[in-house]
Amino acid sequence: MTTKTKFELEFPIHASTYMLFQYISTASGLAEWFADNVNSRGDVFVFIWDDAEERAKLLSKKNEERVKFQWLEDENEVCYFEMRLQVDEITKDVSLIVTDFAEEDELEEAKMIWENQISALKHILGAV
C-alpha cells in the first residue's frame, strides 16, 4: 500500500457561503464545475469524467461550512477530500479550503487539478 501525502490549498472566492455551499455539497452543484456529471444516491456520489466513473461516500456535511468525501477505492485508508468554507472575521472575505491526499509523485499534478477545478468554479460563480 502506498502512502499518500495530505495537502491543503486555499482559494479566496468572492461569493456568499450559502451560494458556494450549494456548489460543493450537491450533485447538481458539483456537476457544474467538478466533474462532467454527478449523481447521488443517499450518501454515495458518482462522479463522471469522460468515460471514467469514480464513487465517493459523503462522510460529513455541515451547512454552509464544509463537506467531506472519501473515494470508495480508498476506503481502507485514512484518505479523504474536504472542501471547507472560511470567512475572515474582519474583512468577511470567503475562502474555500481544499484538503486532499495524493501520492508523492502525483502531488503537484493533484494541486494543479484542484487549481483548474476551482478556477472553473470561480468562472461559473462570476467570481473571477
N, C-alpha and C. Protein backbone atom coordinates (compact mmCIF):
# COMPACT_ATOMS: atom_id res chain seq x y z
N MET A 1 0.84 -1.19 0.00
CA MET A 1 0.00 0.00 0.00
C MET A 1 0.88 1.25 0.00
N THR A 2 0.58 2.16 -0.90
CA THR A 2 1.37 3.39 -0.96
C THR A 2 0.82 4.42 0.01
N THR A 3 1.72 5.19 0.54
CA THR A 3 1.31 6.22 1.48
C THR A 3 1.03 7.51 0.72
N LYS A 4 -0.09 8.11 1.00
CA LYS A 4 -0.44 9.36 0.34
C LYS A 4 -0.12 10.52 1.28
N THR A 5 0.22 11.65 0.67
CA THR A 5 0.57 12.85 1.41
C THR A 5 -0.64 13.78 1.46
N LYS A 6 -0.91 14.32 2.62
CA LYS A 6 -2.03 15.25 2.79
C LYS A 6 -1.56 16.64 2.37
N PHE A 7 -2.42 17.35 1.66
CA PHE A 7 -2.10 18.73 1.31
C PHE A 7 -3.35 19.59 1.44
N GLU A 8 -3.12 20.89 1.58
CA GLU A 8 -4.22 21.83 1.76
C GLU A 8 -3.98 23.04 0.86
N LEU A 9 -5.02 23.48 0.19
CA LEU A 9 -4.95 24.64 -0.69
C LEU A 9 -6.05 25.63 -0.28
N GLU A 10 -5.73 26.90 -0.37
CA GLU A 10 -6.73 27.92 -0.02
C GLU A 10 -7.00 28.81 -1.21
N PHE A 11 -8.30 29.00 -1.51
CA PHE A 11 -8.71 29.80 -2.65
C PHE A 11 -9.68 30.88 -2.19
N PRO A 12 -9.29 32.15 -2.27
CA PRO A 12 -10.25 33.23 -1.95
C PRO A 12 -11.32 33.25 -3.05
N ILE A 13 -12.58 33.31 -2.65
CA ILE A 13 -13.66 33.33 -3.63
C ILE A 13 -14.68 34.40 -3.22
N HIS A 14 -15.00 35.27 -4.18
CA HIS A 14 -15.95 36.34 -3.90
C HIS A 14 -17.37 35.84 -4.14
N ALA A 15 -17.91 35.16 -3.14
CA ALA A 15 -19.28 34.64 -3.23
C ALA A 15 -19.78 34.40 -1.81
N SER A 16 -21.09 34.32 -1.67
CA SER A 16 -21.65 34.07 -0.34
C SER A 16 -21.42 32.60 0.03
N THR A 17 -21.31 32.32 1.31
CA THR A 17 -21.11 30.94 1.75
C THR A 17 -22.33 30.10 1.39
N TYR A 18 -23.51 30.71 1.42
CA TYR A 18 -24.73 29.98 1.08
C TYR A 18 -24.66 29.47 -0.35
N MET A 19 -24.33 30.38 -1.28
CA MET A 19 -24.28 30.01 -2.69
C MET A 19 -23.14 29.02 -2.94
N LEU A 20 -22.00 29.28 -2.38
CA LEU A 20 -20.84 28.42 -2.55
C LEU A 20 -21.11 27.01 -2.04
N PHE A 21 -21.80 26.92 -0.91
CA PHE A 21 -22.09 25.61 -0.32
C PHE A 21 -22.92 24.74 -1.26
N GLN A 22 -23.83 25.37 -2.01
CA GLN A 22 -24.65 24.61 -2.96
C GLN A 22 -23.77 23.95 -4.03
N TYR A 23 -22.71 24.66 -4.42
CA TYR A 23 -21.82 24.15 -5.46
C TYR A 23 -20.86 23.07 -4.97
N ILE A 24 -20.60 23.00 -3.68
CA ILE A 24 -19.66 21.99 -3.18
C ILE A 24 -20.35 20.81 -2.50
N SER A 25 -21.66 20.92 -2.26
CA SER A 25 -22.32 19.86 -1.47
C SER A 25 -23.44 19.12 -2.18
N THR A 26 -23.85 19.60 -3.36
CA THR A 26 -24.95 18.93 -4.06
C THR A 26 -24.45 18.33 -5.37
N ALA A 27 -25.10 17.26 -5.80
CA ALA A 27 -24.72 16.61 -7.05
C ALA A 27 -24.83 17.59 -8.22
N SER A 28 -25.92 18.35 -8.26
CA SER A 28 -26.11 19.29 -9.37
C SER A 28 -25.07 20.41 -9.33
N GLY A 29 -24.73 20.87 -8.13
CA GLY A 29 -23.71 21.92 -7.99
C GLY A 29 -22.34 21.42 -8.40
N LEU A 30 -21.97 20.22 -7.95
CA LEU A 30 -20.66 19.64 -8.29
C LEU A 30 -20.56 19.34 -9.79
N ALA A 31 -21.67 18.99 -10.41
CA ALA A 31 -21.67 18.69 -11.85
C ALA A 31 -21.38 19.93 -12.68
N GLU A 32 -21.58 21.11 -12.11
CA GLU A 32 -21.32 22.36 -12.84
C GLU A 32 -19.84 22.65 -13.01
N TRP A 33 -19.00 22.13 -12.08
CA TRP A 33 -17.59 22.52 -12.14
C TRP A 33 -16.60 21.40 -11.81
N PHE A 34 -17.01 20.42 -11.03
CA PHE A 34 -16.07 19.42 -10.53
C PHE A 34 -15.93 18.22 -11.45
N ALA A 35 -17.00 17.82 -12.08
CA ALA A 35 -16.98 16.65 -12.97
C ALA A 35 -17.95 16.91 -14.12
N ASP A 36 -17.89 16.05 -15.14
CA ASP A 36 -18.81 16.20 -16.27
C ASP A 36 -20.25 15.97 -15.83
N ASN A 37 -20.41 15.01 -14.90
CA ASN A 37 -21.74 14.71 -14.37
C ASN A 37 -21.57 14.12 -12.98
N VAL A 38 -22.54 14.37 -12.12
CA VAL A 38 -22.51 13.83 -10.75
C VAL A 38 -23.91 13.37 -10.39
N ASN A 39 -23.99 12.16 -9.88
CA ASN A 39 -25.26 11.62 -9.39
C ASN A 39 -25.08 11.24 -7.94
N SER A 40 -26.15 11.28 -7.19
CA SER A 40 -26.03 10.83 -5.80
C SER A 40 -27.22 9.99 -5.41
N ARG A 41 -26.93 8.99 -4.61
CA ARG A 41 -27.99 8.15 -4.05
C ARG A 41 -27.62 7.98 -2.58
N GLY A 42 -28.41 8.60 -1.72
CA GLY A 42 -28.07 8.56 -0.30
C GLY A 42 -26.76 9.30 -0.09
N ASP A 43 -25.80 8.65 0.57
CA ASP A 43 -24.54 9.33 0.83
C ASP A 43 -23.43 8.90 -0.13
N VAL A 44 -23.80 8.25 -1.25
CA VAL A 44 -22.81 7.87 -2.26
C VAL A 44 -22.99 8.76 -3.50
N PHE A 45 -21.90 9.41 -3.88
CA PHE A 45 -21.90 10.28 -5.05
C PHE A 45 -21.11 9.59 -6.15
N VAL A 46 -21.62 9.64 -7.37
CA VAL A 46 -20.92 9.08 -8.52
C VAL A 46 -20.46 10.26 -9.38
N PHE A 47 -19.13 10.37 -9.53
CA PHE A 47 -18.52 11.44 -10.32
C PHE A 47 -18.13 10.85 -11.67
N ILE A 48 -18.52 11.52 -12.76
CA ILE A 48 -18.25 11.01 -14.09
C ILE A 48 -17.43 12.03 -14.88
N TRP A 49 -16.29 11.55 -15.41
CA TRP A 49 -15.43 12.35 -16.29
C TRP A 49 -15.22 11.54 -17.55
N ASP A 50 -15.57 12.07 -18.71
CA ASP A 50 -15.43 11.35 -19.98
C ASP A 50 -15.96 9.93 -19.81
N ASP A 51 -15.07 8.93 -19.87
CA ASP A 51 -15.52 7.54 -19.72
C ASP A 51 -15.20 6.97 -18.35
N ALA A 52 -14.65 7.79 -17.47
CA ALA A 52 -14.28 7.31 -16.13
C ALA A 52 -15.37 7.63 -15.12
N GLU A 53 -15.53 6.72 -14.18
CA GLU A 53 -16.55 6.90 -13.15
C GLU A 53 -15.91 6.59 -11.80
N GLU A 54 -16.02 7.53 -10.87
CA GLU A 54 -15.47 7.32 -9.52
C GLU A 54 -16.60 7.51 -8.52
N ARG A 55 -16.61 6.67 -7.50
CA ARG A 55 -17.64 6.78 -6.46
C ARG A 55 -17.00 7.28 -5.17
N ALA A 56 -17.73 8.16 -4.50
CA ALA A 56 -17.25 8.69 -3.22
C ALA A 56 -18.39 8.69 -2.23
N LYS A 57 -18.04 8.43 -0.97
CA LYS A 57 -19.03 8.45 0.09
C LYS A 57 -18.95 9.80 0.80
N LEU A 58 -20.12 10.38 1.05
CA LEU A 58 -20.16 11.63 1.81
C LEU A 58 -19.96 11.27 3.28
N LEU A 59 -18.81 11.66 3.83
CA LEU A 59 -18.50 11.32 5.22
C LEU A 59 -19.15 12.28 6.20
N SER A 60 -19.12 13.56 5.86
CA SER A 60 -19.76 14.54 6.75
C SER A 60 -20.10 15.80 5.97
N LYS A 61 -21.05 16.53 6.50
CA LYS A 61 -21.53 17.74 5.85
C LYS A 61 -22.06 18.67 6.93
N LYS A 62 -21.57 19.89 6.95
CA LYS A 62 -22.07 20.88 7.90
C LYS A 62 -22.48 22.10 7.10
N ASN A 63 -23.74 22.46 7.20
CA ASN A 63 -24.31 23.52 6.38
C ASN A 63 -23.48 24.79 6.34
N GLU A 64 -23.27 25.27 5.11
CA GLU A 64 -22.51 26.49 4.83
C GLU A 64 -21.11 26.49 5.44
N GLU A 65 -20.59 25.29 5.77
CA GLU A 65 -19.27 25.25 6.38
C GLU A 65 -18.31 24.28 5.69
N ARG A 66 -18.70 23.00 5.59
CA ARG A 66 -17.77 22.04 4.98
C ARG A 66 -18.48 20.79 4.49
N VAL A 67 -17.80 20.11 3.59
CA VAL A 67 -18.27 18.84 3.07
C VAL A 67 -17.04 17.94 2.90
N LYS A 68 -17.19 16.68 3.30
CA LYS A 68 -16.05 15.76 3.30
C LYS A 68 -16.44 14.45 2.63
N PHE A 69 -15.64 14.05 1.64
CA PHE A 69 -15.90 12.83 0.88
C PHE A 69 -14.72 11.86 1.01
N GLN A 70 -15.01 10.59 0.76
CA GLN A 70 -13.94 9.59 0.67
C GLN A 70 -14.21 8.75 -0.57
N TRP A 71 -13.18 8.66 -1.44
CA TRP A 71 -13.31 7.80 -2.61
C TRP A 71 -13.48 6.38 -2.13
N LEU A 72 -14.41 5.64 -2.71
CA LEU A 72 -14.66 4.27 -2.26
C LEU A 72 -13.44 3.38 -2.46
N GLU A 73 -12.61 3.69 -3.46
CA GLU A 73 -11.39 2.90 -3.67
C GLU A 73 -10.37 3.12 -2.55
N ASP A 74 -10.52 4.19 -1.78
CA ASP A 74 -9.60 4.50 -0.67
C ASP A 74 -10.16 4.09 0.68
N GLU A 75 -11.23 3.31 0.70
CA GLU A 75 -11.94 3.01 1.95
C GLU A 75 -11.07 2.45 3.06
N ASN A 76 -10.04 1.69 2.71
CA ASN A 76 -9.18 1.11 3.75
C ASN A 76 -8.09 2.07 4.21
N GLU A 77 -8.04 3.25 3.63
CA GLU A 77 -7.04 4.24 4.01
C GLU A 77 -7.71 5.38 4.76
N VAL A 78 -6.90 6.27 5.29
CA VAL A 78 -7.45 7.41 6.01
C VAL A 78 -7.59 8.63 5.10
N CYS A 79 -7.57 8.39 3.80
CA CYS A 79 -7.64 9.48 2.83
C CYS A 79 -9.08 9.96 2.62
N TYR A 80 -9.19 11.24 2.35
CA TYR A 80 -10.49 11.86 2.07
C TYR A 80 -10.21 13.14 1.30
N PHE A 81 -11.26 13.79 0.84
CA PHE A 81 -11.08 15.16 0.35
C PHE A 81 -12.19 16.00 0.95
N GLU A 82 -11.79 17.16 1.39
CA GLU A 82 -12.72 18.04 2.10
C GLU A 82 -12.66 19.43 1.48
N MET A 83 -13.83 20.05 1.38
CA MET A 83 -13.92 21.44 0.94
C MET A 83 -14.56 22.21 2.08
N ARG A 84 -13.82 23.17 2.60
CA ARG A 84 -14.26 23.90 3.78
C ARG A 84 -14.34 25.40 3.47
N LEU A 85 -15.40 26.02 3.92
CA LEU A 85 -15.56 27.46 3.73
C LEU A 85 -15.09 28.19 4.98
N GLN A 86 -14.33 29.24 4.75
CA GLN A 86 -13.82 30.01 5.89
C GLN A 86 -14.09 31.49 5.62
N VAL A 87 -14.65 32.17 6.59
CA VAL A 87 -14.95 33.59 6.45
C VAL A 87 -14.05 34.37 7.40
N ASP A 88 -13.35 35.34 6.85
CA ASP A 88 -12.49 36.19 7.67
C ASP A 88 -13.37 37.05 8.57
N GLU A 89 -13.10 37.00 9.87
CA GLU A 89 -13.91 37.74 10.85
C GLU A 89 -13.98 39.23 10.55
N ILE A 90 -12.88 39.82 10.14
CA ILE A 90 -12.81 41.26 9.94
C ILE A 90 -13.27 41.70 8.56
N THR A 91 -12.67 41.11 7.53
CA THR A 91 -12.98 41.55 6.16
C THR A 91 -14.21 40.87 5.57
N LYS A 92 -14.64 39.77 6.18
CA LYS A 92 -15.76 38.96 5.68
C LYS A 92 -15.44 38.29 4.35
N ASP A 93 -14.15 38.26 3.97
CA ASP A 93 -13.73 37.57 2.76
C ASP A 93 -13.95 36.07 2.94
N VAL A 94 -14.39 35.42 1.87
CA VAL A 94 -14.65 33.98 1.91
C VAL A 94 -13.52 33.24 1.20
N SER A 95 -13.05 32.18 1.83
CA SER A 95 -12.05 31.31 1.21
C SER A 95 -12.59 29.89 1.18
N LEU A 96 -12.24 29.18 0.12
CA LEU A 96 -12.54 27.76 0.01
C LEU A 96 -11.24 27.03 0.28
N ILE A 97 -11.23 26.22 1.32
CA ILE A 97 -10.03 25.48 1.68
C ILE A 97 -10.23 24.02 1.32
N VAL A 98 -9.34 23.52 0.47
CA VAL A 98 -9.41 22.15 -0.01
C VAL A 98 -8.34 21.33 0.70
N THR A 99 -8.75 20.21 1.28
CA THR A 99 -7.80 19.25 1.86
C THR A 99 -7.95 17.97 1.05
N ASP A 100 -6.82 17.44 0.61
CA ASP A 100 -6.86 16.22 -0.20
C ASP A 100 -5.58 15.43 0.04
N PHE A 101 -5.50 14.26 -0.54
CA PHE A 101 -4.34 13.39 -0.40
C PHE A 101 -3.89 12.97 -1.79
N ALA A 102 -2.59 12.84 -1.98
CA ALA A 102 -2.05 12.36 -3.25
C ALA A 102 -0.74 11.64 -2.98
N GLU A 103 -0.40 10.74 -3.90
CA GLU A 103 0.88 10.07 -3.78
C GLU A 103 1.97 11.10 -4.06
N GLU A 104 3.10 10.94 -3.43
CA GLU A 104 4.20 11.91 -3.50
C GLU A 104 4.51 12.34 -4.94
N ASP A 105 4.59 11.39 -5.85
CA ASP A 105 4.94 11.72 -7.24
C ASP A 105 3.78 12.34 -8.02
N GLU A 106 2.61 12.41 -7.42
CA GLU A 106 1.44 12.99 -8.08
C GLU A 106 0.95 14.26 -7.38
N LEU A 107 1.72 14.72 -6.40
CA LEU A 107 1.32 15.85 -5.57
C LEU A 107 1.11 17.13 -6.38
N GLU A 108 2.09 17.50 -7.19
CA GLU A 108 1.98 18.73 -7.98
C GLU A 108 0.83 18.66 -8.97
N GLU A 109 0.65 17.50 -9.58
CA GLU A 109 -0.44 17.31 -10.53
C GLU A 109 -1.79 17.44 -9.83
N ALA A 110 -1.89 16.86 -8.64
CA ALA A 110 -3.14 16.93 -7.87
C ALA A 110 -3.47 18.39 -7.52
N LYS A 111 -2.45 19.14 -7.13
CA LYS A 111 -2.67 20.56 -6.80
C LYS A 111 -3.12 21.34 -8.03
N MET A 112 -2.49 21.05 -9.18
CA MET A 112 -2.87 21.72 -10.42
C MET A 112 -4.31 21.41 -10.81
N ILE A 113 -4.71 20.15 -10.62
CA ILE A 113 -6.09 19.76 -10.94
C ILE A 113 -7.06 20.58 -10.10
N TRP A 114 -6.79 20.69 -8.80
CA TRP A 114 -7.66 21.47 -7.92
C TRP A 114 -7.67 22.94 -8.35
N GLU A 115 -6.51 23.49 -8.71
CA GLU A 115 -6.46 24.89 -9.14
C GLU A 115 -7.32 25.09 -10.38
N ASN A 116 -7.27 24.15 -11.32
CA ASN A 116 -8.09 24.23 -12.52
C ASN A 116 -9.57 24.11 -12.19
N GLN A 117 -9.91 23.17 -11.30
CA GLN A 117 -11.31 22.96 -10.93
C GLN A 117 -11.87 24.22 -10.24
N ILE A 118 -11.11 24.77 -9.31
CA ILE A 118 -11.59 25.96 -8.58
C ILE A 118 -11.68 27.15 -9.52
N SER A 119 -10.79 27.22 -10.48
CA SER A 119 -10.86 28.27 -11.49
C SER A 119 -12.17 28.17 -12.26
N ALA A 120 -12.57 26.94 -12.60
CA ALA A 120 -13.86 26.72 -13.28
C ALA A 120 -15.02 27.13 -12.38
N LEU A 121 -14.92 26.81 -11.09
CA LEU A 121 -15.96 27.18 -10.14
C LEU A 121 -16.10 28.71 -10.06
N LYS A 122 -14.97 29.39 -9.94
CA LYS A 122 -14.99 30.86 -9.88
C LYS A 122 -15.62 31.45 -11.13
N HIS A 123 -15.32 30.86 -12.28
CA HIS A 123 -15.87 31.32 -13.54
C HIS A 123 -17.40 31.20 -13.55
N ILE A 124 -17.91 30.07 -13.09
CA ILE A 124 -19.35 29.83 -13.03
C ILE A 124 -20.02 30.81 -12.07
N LEU A 125 -19.34 31.07 -10.94
CA LEU A 125 -19.88 31.99 -9.94
C LEU A 125 -19.78 33.45 -10.37
N GLY A 126 -18.98 33.70 -11.42
CA GLY A 126 -18.73 35.08 -11.83
C GLY A 126 -17.84 35.76 -10.81
N ALA A 127 -17.02 34.97 -10.12
CA ALA A 127 -16.18 35.49 -9.03
C ALA A 127 -14.71 35.52 -9.44
N VAL A 128 -14.47 35.72 -10.73
CA VAL A 128 -13.09 35.69 -11.23
C VAL A 128 -12.39 36.99 -10.92
